[in-house]
Amino acid sequence: MSKRDDSSRPLYVISVVAEMFDLHPQTLRLYEREGFIAPARQNNQRKYSDEDLKQLEFIVDLTRKLGVNKAGLEIIMDMRGRLDAMRKEMEGIMDYLEEDTKRHFQNRLQEIFYGDRR
């Protein structure tokens, strides 16, 4: 199992997570209802992964340290999702450009060393 798979593996029950973050379990349920976190379900029980904990830490920092309310969280989480989608799209574009640049470079070398024989 890769590291990426490990971080998404559901491990922690709601009572443990609530204690870890000093939150009431009802707060975690609210965050789930609002779509801020999405723990897995196993045998009808919420199970949180390390990725979920990282997301939850971000949310707790926003609410406790910066005083962000639910409406602010909605905006920030939406923007964060959009930024992540754009980042992934840009990575795909960069992969394409790198391949295109390699092809261009190979074609140019072909022209330089062997002449344009098309």
C-alpha atoms as a PDB file:
ATOM      1  CA  MET A   1       0.000   0.000   0.000  1.00  0.00           C
ATOM      2  CA  SER A   2       1.430   3.391  -0.977  1.00  0.00           C
ATOM      3  CA  LYS A   3       1.729   6.377   1.340  1.00  0.00           C
ATOM      4  CA  ARG A   4      -1.103   8.096  -0.527  1.00  0.00           C
ATOM      5  CA  ASP A   5      -3.365   5.127   0.135  1.00  0.00           C
ATOM      6  CA  ASP A   6      -2.385   5.120   3.817  1.00  0.00           C
ATOM      7  CA  SER A   7      -3.396   8.755   4.339  1.00  0.00           C
ATOM      8  CA  SER A   8      -6.868   8.101   2.945  1.00  0.00           C
ATOM      9  CA  ARG A   9      -7.398   4.915   4.963  1.00  0.00           C
ATOM     10  CA  PRO A  10     -10.251   5.409   7.471  1.00  0.00           C
ATOM     11  CA  LEU A  11      -8.923   4.716  10.956  1.00  0.00           C
ATOM     12  CA  TYR A  12     -10.419   6.962  13.631  1.00  0.00           C
ATOM     13  CA  VAL A  13     -13.929   6.908  15.100  1.00  0.00           C
ATOM     14  CA  ILE A  14     -15.799  10.120  15.826  1.00  0.00           C
ATOM     15  CA  SER A  15     -15.235  10.032  19.605  1.00  0.00           C
ATOM     16  CA  VAL A  16     -11.453   9.802  19.147  1.00  0.00           C
ATOM     17  CA  VAL A  17     -11.395  12.621  16.590  1.00  0.00           C
ATOM     18  CA  ALA A  18     -13.606  14.803  18.775  1.00  0.00           C
ATOM     19  CA  GLU A  19     -11.221  14.312  21.671  1.00  0.00           C
ATOM     20  CA  MET A  20      -8.145  14.923  19.513  1.00  0.00           C
ATOM     21  CA  PHE A  21      -9.485  18.318  18.399  1.00  0.00           C
ATOM     22  CA  ASP A  22     -11.373  19.166  21.583  1.00  0.00           C
ATOM     23  CA  LEU A  23     -14.658  19.308  19.664  1.00  0.00           C
ATOM     24  CA  HIS A  24     -18.101  17.993  20.431  1.00  0.00           C
ATOM     25  CA  PRO A  25     -19.031  15.058  18.155  1.00  0.00           C
ATOM     26  CA  GLN A  26     -22.067  17.088  17.082  1.00  0.00           C
ATOM     27  CA  THR A  27     -19.679  19.705  15.636  1.00  0.00           C
ATOM     28  CA  LEU A  28     -18.036  17.014  13.523  1.00  0.00           C
ATOM     29  CA  ARG A  29     -21.461  15.897  12.327  1.00  0.00           C
ATOM     30  CA  LEU A  30     -22.274  19.516  11.414  1.00  0.00           C
ATOM     31  CA  TYR A  31     -19.020  19.853   9.455  1.00  0.00           C
ATOM     32  CA  GLU A  32     -19.932  16.672   7.594  1.00  0.00           C
ATOM     33  CA  ARG A  33     -23.498  17.861   6.919  1.00  0.00           C
ATOM     34  CA  GLU A  34     -22.139  21.137   5.566  1.00  0.00           C
ATOM     35  CA  GLY A  35     -19.736  19.246   3.289  1.00  0.00           C
ATOM     36  CA  PHE A  36     -16.531  20.506   4.938  1.00  0.00           C
ATOM     37  CA  ILE A  37     -15.358  16.961   5.684  1.00  0.00           C
ATOM     38  CA  ALA A  38     -16.440  13.593   4.339  1.00  0.00           C
ATOM     39  CA  PRO A  39     -15.452  10.711   6.597  1.00  0.00           C
ATOM     40  CA  ALA A  40     -15.886   7.183   5.305  1.00  0.00           C
ATOM     41  CA  ARG A  41     -18.584   4.916   6.669  1.00  0.00           C
ATOM     42  CA  GLN A  42     -17.837   1.420   7.901  1.00  0.00           C
ATOM     43  CA  ASN A  43     -20.674  -0.583   9.414  1.00  0.00           C
ATOM     44  CA  ASN A  44     -22.694   2.639   9.616  1.00  0.00           C
ATOM     45  CA  GLN A  45     -19.952   4.251  11.710  1.00  0.00           C
ATOM     46  CA  ARG A  46     -17.985   7.355  10.729  1.00  0.00           C
ATOM     47  CA  LYS A  47     -14.286   6.648  10.240  1.00  0.00           C
ATOM     48  CA  TYR A  48     -11.813   9.461   9.716  1.00  0.00           C
ATOM     49  CA  SER A  49      -8.569   9.164   7.759  1.00  0.00           C
ATOM     50  CA  ASP A  50      -5.354  11.128   8.167  1.00  0.00           C
ATOM     51  CA  GLU A  51      -6.481  13.231   5.174  1.00  0.00           C
ATOM     52  CA  ASP A  52      -9.731  13.983   7.011  1.00  0.00           C
ATOM     53  CA  LEU A  53      -7.752  14.990  10.103  1.00  0.00           C
ATOM     54  CA  LYS A  54      -5.593  17.326   8.024  1.00  0.00           C
ATOM     55  CA  GLN A  55      -8.734  18.924   6.556  1.00  0.00           C
ATOM     56  CA  LEU A  56     -10.263  19.175  10.010  1.00  0.00           C
ATOM     57  CA  GLU A  57      -7.113  20.801  11.387  1.00  0.00           C
ATOM     58  CA  PHE A  58      -7.387  23.446   8.654  1.00  0.00           C
ATOM     59  CA  ILE A  59     -11.033  24.072   9.569  1.00  0.00           C
ATOM     60  CA  VAL A  60     -10.313  24.259  13.311  1.00  0.00           C
ATOM     61  CA  ASP A  61      -7.457  26.707  12.698  1.00  0.00           C
ATOM     62  CA  LEU A  62      -9.757  28.929  10.651  1.00  0.00           C
ATOM     63  CA  THR A  63     -12.519  28.902  13.233  1.00  0.00           C
ATOM     64  CA  ARG A  64     -10.482  29.096  16.437  1.00  0.00           C
ATOM     65  CA  LYS A  65      -7.449  31.143  15.468  1.00  0.00           C
ATOM     66  CA  LEU A  66      -9.014  33.412  12.871  1.00  0.00           C
ATOM     67  CA  GLY A  67     -12.618  33.511  14.065  1.00  0.00           C
ATOM     68  CA  VAL A  68     -14.066  32.429  10.717  1.00  0.00           C
ATOM     69  CA  ASN A  69     -17.786  31.618  10.925  1.00  0.00           C
ATOM     70  CA  LYS A  70     -19.782  29.001   8.969  1.00  0.00           C
ATOM     71  CA  ALA A  71     -20.472  31.360   6.048  1.00  0.00           C
ATOM     72  CA  GLY A  72     -16.784  32.216   5.846  1.00  0.00           C
ATOM     73  CA  LEU A  73     -15.886  28.531   5.973  1.00  0.00           C
ATOM     74  CA  GLU A  74     -18.214  27.843   3.047  1.00  0.00           C
ATOM     75  CA  ILE A  75     -16.519  30.505   0.947  1.00  0.00           C
ATOM     76  CA  ILE A  76     -12.981  29.471   1.917  1.00  0.00           C
ATOM     77  CA  MET A  77     -13.615  25.754   1.417  1.00  0.00           C
ATOM     78  CA  ASP A  78     -15.246  26.412  -1.964  1.00  0.00           C
ATOM     79  CA  MET A  79     -12.294  28.558  -3.045  1.00  0.00           C
ATOM     80  CA  ARG A  80      -9.869  25.945  -1.770  1.00  0.00           C
ATOM     81  CA  GLY A  81     -11.636  23.278  -3.832  1.00  0.00           C
ATOM     82  CA  ARG A  82     -11.523  25.467  -6.924  1.00  0.00           C
ATOM     83  CA  LEU A  83      -7.842  26.236  -6.411  1.00  0.00           C
ATOM     84  CA  ASP A  84      -7.082  22.542  -6.030  1.00  0.00           C
ATOM     85  CA  ALA A  85      -8.971  21.772  -9.251  1.00  0.00           C
ATOM     86  CA  MET A  86      -7.078  24.532 -11.072  1.00  0.00           C
ATOM     87  CA  ARG A  87      -3.773  23.253  -9.702  1.00  0.00           C
ATOM     88  CA  LYS A  88      -4.535  19.772 -11.027  1.00  0.00           C
ATOM     89  CA  GLU A  89      -5.530  21.224 -14.385  1.00  0.00           C
ATOM     90  CA  MET A  90      -2.306  23.250 -14.537  1.00  0.00           C
ATOM     91  CA  GLU A  91      -0.266  20.146 -13.719  1.00  0.00           C
ATOM     92  CA  GLY A  92      -1.930  18.407 -16.664  1.00  0.00           C
ATOM     93  CA  ILE A  93      -1.200  21.363 -18.918  1.00  0.00           C
ATOM     94  CA  MET A  94       2.435  21.429 -17.760  1.00  0.00           C
ATOM     95  CA  ASP A  95       2.760  17.700 -18.476  1.00  0.00           C
ATOM     96  CA  TYR A  96       1.372  18.334 -21.964  1.00  0.00           C
ATOM     97  CA  LEU A  97       3.670  21.308 -22.535  1.00  0.00           C
ATOM     98  CA  GLU A  98       6.676  19.348 -21.360  1.00  0.00           C
ATOM     99  CA  GLU A  99       5.823  16.563 -23.831  1.00  0.00           C
ATOM    100  CA  ASP A 100       5.192  19.121 -26.578  1.00  0.00           C
ATOM    101  CA  THR A 101       8.486  20.853 -25.789  1.00  0.00           C
ATOM    102  CA  LYS A 102      10.317  17.517 -25.899  1.00  0.00           C
ATOM    103  CA  ARG A 103       8.786  16.725 -29.301  1.00  0.00           C
ATOM    104  CA  HIS A 104       9.662  20.187 -30.574  1.00  0.00           C
ATOM    105  CA  PHE A 105      13.242  19.846 -29.306  1.00  0.00           C
ATOM    106  CA  GLN A 106      13.583  16.379 -30.870  1.00  0.00           C
ATOM    107  CA  ASN A 107      12.208  17.673 -34.174  1.00  0.00           C
ATOM    108  CA  ARG A 108      14.587  20.624 -34.079  1.00  0.00           C
ATOM    109  CA  LEU A 109      17.567  18.337 -33.404  1.00  0.00           C
ATOM    110  CA  GLN A 110      16.429  16.124 -36.272  1.00  0.00           C
ATOM    111  CA  GLU A 111      16.386  19.173 -38.560  1.00  0.00           C
ATOM    112  CA  ILE A 112      19.810  20.374 -37.381  1.00  0.00           C
ATOM    113  CA  PHE A 113      21.629  17.063 -37.632  1.00  0.00           C
ATOM    114  CA  TYR A 114      19.841  15.420 -40.551  1.00  0.00           C
ATOM    115  CA  GLY A 115      18.314  18.339 -42.405  1.00  0.00           C
ATOM    116  CA  ASP A 116      14.613  18.797 -43.012  1.00  0.00           C
ATOM    117  CA  ARG A 117      13.751  15.587 -44.920  1.00  0.00           C
ATOM    118  CA  ARG A 118      10.005  15.843 -44.869  1.00  0.00           C
END
